Amino acid sequence: MVENLRCELEHQPRLGRLIRVVAEGGQQVELYSTRIEADAESGRPAVNVVHACSPAPQWPPTVRIAAIVPEDPPRLEL
């Protein structure tokens, strides 16, 4: 799951929704969020992934997966 996302980010480093742009060590870093859907067959919940893209001066851009957060399972009403 995450390995597939990592491979996709090599080709589309700006995948997902732009969260913000920050400066890190004098370099611009773009933070993106994307969602990987749940897989009911394997029991894997959906996860939200935050990744950082440093577009310049390197080419290709440097991409780091910063966080993987599983979604909470739906709660039954009490």
N, C-alpha and C. Protein backbone atom coordinates (compact mmCIF):
# COMPACT_ATOMS: atom_id res chain seq x y z
N MET A 1 0.82 -1.17 0.00
CA MET A 1 0.00 0.00 0.00
C MET A 1 0.88 1.26 0.00
N VAL A 2 1.71 1.44 1.00
CA VAL A 2 2.56 2.63 1.08
C VAL A 2 3.65 2.56 0.01
N GLU A 3 4.14 1.37 -0.28
CA GLU A 3 5.16 1.22 -1.32
C GLU A 3 4.60 1.67 -2.67
N ASN A 4 3.34 1.33 -2.95
CA ASN A 4 2.71 1.77 -4.20
C ASN A 4 2.61 3.29 -4.24
N LEU A 5 2.26 3.90 -3.12
CA LEU A 5 2.18 5.36 -3.05
C LEU A 5 3.56 5.97 -3.26
N ARG A 6 4.57 5.41 -2.63
CA ARG A 6 5.93 5.93 -2.79
C ARG A 6 6.34 5.91 -4.26
N CYS A 7 6.05 4.83 -4.96
CA CYS A 7 6.38 4.74 -6.39
C CYS A 7 5.61 5.78 -7.20
N GLU A 8 4.34 5.99 -6.85
CA GLU A 8 3.53 6.98 -7.56
C GLU A 8 4.06 8.39 -7.31
N LEU A 9 4.53 8.66 -6.08
CA LEU A 9 5.06 9.99 -5.76
C LEU A 9 6.34 10.29 -6.53
N GLU A 10 7.08 9.26 -6.94
CA GLU A 10 8.28 9.49 -7.76
C GLU A 10 7.91 10.14 -9.08
N HIS A 11 6.71 9.82 -9.60
CA HIS A 11 6.27 10.36 -10.89
C HIS A 11 5.36 11.57 -10.74
N GLN A 12 4.62 11.65 -9.62
CA GLN A 12 3.71 12.77 -9.35
C GLN A 12 3.96 13.29 -7.94
N PRO A 13 5.03 14.04 -7.73
CA PRO A 13 5.37 14.48 -6.37
C PRO A 13 4.34 15.43 -5.75
N ARG A 14 3.48 16.02 -6.55
CA ARG A 14 2.47 16.93 -6.01
C ARG A 14 1.09 16.27 -5.96
N LEU A 15 1.06 14.98 -5.75
CA LEU A 15 -0.18 14.22 -5.65
C LEU A 15 -0.93 14.59 -4.38
N GLY A 16 -2.23 14.75 -4.46
CA GLY A 16 -3.03 15.02 -3.28
C GLY A 16 -3.41 16.48 -3.17
N ARG A 17 -3.82 16.85 -1.96
CA ARG A 17 -4.28 18.21 -1.67
C ARG A 17 -3.17 18.98 -0.98
N LEU A 18 -2.84 20.15 -1.51
CA LEU A 18 -1.82 21.00 -0.90
C LEU A 18 -2.33 21.51 0.44
N ILE A 19 -1.56 21.26 1.50
CA ILE A 19 -1.93 21.71 2.85
C ILE A 19 -1.32 23.08 3.13
N ARG A 20 -0.02 23.20 2.89
CA ARG A 20 0.67 24.47 3.12
C ARG A 20 2.06 24.41 2.52
N VAL A 21 2.68 25.58 2.44
CA VAL A 21 4.05 25.71 1.98
C VAL A 21 4.84 26.34 3.12
N VAL A 22 5.98 25.74 3.47
CA VAL A 22 6.81 26.25 4.55
C VAL A 22 8.25 26.37 4.06
N ALA A 23 9.05 27.11 4.81
CA ALA A 23 10.48 27.23 4.52
C ALA A 23 11.23 26.36 5.52
N GLU A 24 12.11 25.53 5.01
CA GLU A 24 12.90 24.63 5.86
C GLU A 24 14.36 24.78 5.43
N GLY A 25 15.15 25.37 6.29
CA GLY A 25 16.56 25.57 5.96
C GLY A 25 16.76 26.42 4.72
N GLY A 26 15.88 27.41 4.53
CA GLY A 26 15.99 28.30 3.38
C GLY A 26 15.44 27.70 2.10
N GLN A 27 14.85 26.53 2.18
CA GLN A 27 14.30 25.87 0.99
C GLN A 27 12.79 25.74 1.14
N GLN A 28 12.07 25.92 0.05
CA GLN A 28 10.61 25.79 0.07
C GLN A 28 10.22 24.32 0.15
N VAL A 29 9.29 24.00 1.06
CA VAL A 29 8.77 22.64 1.21
C VAL A 29 7.25 22.71 1.13
N GLU A 30 6.68 21.91 0.24
CA GLU A 30 5.23 21.85 0.08
C GLU A 30 4.71 20.61 0.80
N LEU A 31 3.67 20.77 1.61
CA LEU A 31 3.07 19.65 2.34
C LEU A 31 1.74 19.28 1.69
N TYR A 32 1.60 18.00 1.39
CA TYR A 32 0.39 17.49 0.73
C TYR A 32 -0.24 16.40 1.57
N SER A 33 -1.55 16.22 1.40
CA SER A 33 -2.29 15.15 2.06
C SER A 33 -3.02 14.34 1.00
N THR A 34 -3.00 13.04 1.16
CA THR A 34 -3.75 12.16 0.27
C THR A 34 -4.31 11.02 1.09
N ARG A 35 -5.31 10.35 0.55
CA ARG A 35 -6.00 9.29 1.29
C ARG A 35 -5.88 7.99 0.50
N ILE A 36 -5.59 6.92 1.21
CA ILE A 36 -5.59 5.58 0.62
C ILE A 36 -6.83 4.89 1.17
N GLU A 37 -7.69 4.45 0.27
CA GLU A 37 -8.95 3.84 0.66
C GLU A 37 -8.75 2.56 1.47
N ALA A 38 -9.75 2.22 2.26
CA ALA A 38 -9.74 1.00 3.06
C ALA A 38 -9.82 -0.22 2.15
N ASP A 39 -9.36 -1.34 2.66
CA ASP A 39 -9.48 -2.62 1.96
C ASP A 39 -10.20 -3.58 2.91
N ALA A 40 -11.51 -3.71 2.69
CA ALA A 40 -12.33 -4.53 3.59
C ALA A 40 -11.89 -5.99 3.56
N GLU A 41 -11.43 -6.45 2.41
CA GLU A 41 -11.01 -7.85 2.29
C GLU A 41 -9.85 -8.19 3.22
N SER A 42 -8.90 -7.29 3.32
CA SER A 42 -7.75 -7.54 4.19
C SER A 42 -7.94 -6.97 5.60
N GLY A 43 -9.02 -6.19 5.78
CA GLY A 43 -9.27 -5.59 7.09
C GLY A 43 -8.47 -4.33 7.34
N ARG A 44 -7.83 -3.78 6.29
CA ARG A 44 -7.01 -2.58 6.45
C ARG A 44 -7.90 -1.33 6.40
N PRO A 45 -7.79 -0.46 7.40
CA PRO A 45 -8.59 0.76 7.38
C PRO A 45 -8.04 1.76 6.36
N ALA A 46 -8.85 2.74 6.04
CA ALA A 46 -8.36 3.83 5.20
C ALA A 46 -7.29 4.58 5.98
N VAL A 47 -6.32 5.14 5.27
CA VAL A 47 -5.27 5.92 5.92
C VAL A 47 -5.11 7.25 5.22
N ASN A 48 -4.74 8.26 5.99
CA ASN A 48 -4.39 9.56 5.46
C ASN A 48 -2.87 9.66 5.50
N VAL A 49 -2.30 10.10 4.39
CA VAL A 49 -0.84 10.19 4.28
C VAL A 49 -0.46 11.64 4.02
N VAL A 50 0.48 12.14 4.80
CA VAL A 50 1.03 13.48 4.58
C VAL A 50 2.44 13.30 4.03
N HIS A 51 2.72 13.99 2.92
CA HIS A 51 4.08 13.92 2.38
C HIS A 51 4.58 15.32 2.06
N ALA A 52 5.89 15.46 2.11
CA ALA A 52 6.55 16.74 1.87
C ALA A 52 7.29 16.66 0.55
N CYS A 53 7.17 17.71 -0.23
CA CYS A 53 7.84 17.80 -1.52
C CYS A 53 8.73 19.04 -1.52
N SER A 54 10.02 18.84 -1.81
CA SER A 54 10.96 19.96 -1.96
C SER A 54 11.23 20.12 -3.45
N PRO A 55 10.51 21.03 -4.12
CA PRO A 55 10.59 21.10 -5.57
C PRO A 55 11.88 21.67 -6.14
N ALA A 56 12.59 22.50 -5.40
CA ALA A 56 13.78 23.12 -5.98
C ALA A 56 14.85 23.23 -4.91
N PRO A 57 16.09 23.20 -5.19
CA PRO A 57 16.69 23.20 -6.53
C PRO A 57 16.90 21.81 -7.10
N GLN A 58 16.59 20.75 -6.36
CA GLN A 58 16.84 19.41 -6.88
C GLN A 58 15.87 19.09 -8.02
N TRP A 59 16.33 18.30 -8.93
CA TRP A 59 15.45 17.71 -9.92
C TRP A 59 15.89 16.29 -10.11
N PRO A 60 15.10 15.30 -9.96
CA PRO A 60 13.67 15.44 -9.66
C PRO A 60 13.45 15.91 -8.23
N PRO A 61 12.24 16.39 -7.95
CA PRO A 61 11.95 16.88 -6.60
C PRO A 61 12.15 15.80 -5.55
N THR A 62 12.54 16.23 -4.35
CA THR A 62 12.69 15.31 -3.23
C THR A 62 11.33 15.18 -2.56
N VAL A 63 10.90 13.94 -2.31
CA VAL A 63 9.61 13.69 -1.67
C VAL A 63 9.85 12.79 -0.45
N ARG A 64 9.24 13.19 0.68
CA ARG A 64 9.33 12.38 1.91
C ARG A 64 7.93 12.12 2.43
N ILE A 65 7.65 10.88 2.77
CA ILE A 65 6.38 10.58 3.44
C ILE A 65 6.60 10.93 4.91
N ALA A 66 5.78 11.85 5.41
CA ALA A 66 5.97 12.37 6.77
C ALA A 66 5.10 11.69 7.81
N ALA A 67 3.88 11.29 7.44
CA ALA A 67 2.98 10.69 8.42
C ALA A 67 1.96 9.80 7.72
N ILE A 68 1.63 8.70 8.38
CA ILE A 68 0.57 7.81 7.93
C ILE A 68 -0.35 7.61 9.12
N VAL A 69 -1.60 8.07 8.97
CA VAL A 69 -2.53 8.04 10.08
C VAL A 69 -3.76 7.23 9.68
N PRO A 70 -3.99 6.07 10.34
CA PRO A 70 -5.20 5.30 10.01
C PRO A 70 -6.44 6.01 10.51
N GLU A 71 -7.51 5.89 9.73
CA GLU A 71 -8.77 6.48 10.17
C GLU A 71 -9.38 5.61 11.25
N ASP A 72 -10.09 6.24 12.15
CA ASP A 72 -10.79 5.49 13.19
C ASP A 72 -11.92 4.71 12.55
N PRO A 73 -12.15 3.48 13.03
CA PRO A 73 -13.28 2.72 12.50
C PRO A 73 -14.59 3.39 12.91
N PRO A 74 -15.64 3.21 12.12
CA PRO A 74 -16.91 3.81 12.50
C PRO A 74 -17.38 3.29 13.86
N ARG A 75 -17.95 4.17 14.67
CA ARG A 75 -18.43 3.77 15.99
C ARG A 75 -19.94 3.51 15.93
N LEU A 76 -20.34 2.48 16.60
CA LEU A 76 -21.75 2.21 16.72
C LEU A 76 -22.35 3.19 17.71
N GLU A 77 -23.51 3.70 17.40
CA GLU A 77 -24.17 4.64 18.31
C GLU A 77 -24.56 3.90 19.58
N LEU A 78 -24.34 4.55 20.70
CA LEU A 78 -24.71 3.93 21.99
C LEU A 78 -26.16 4.18 22.34
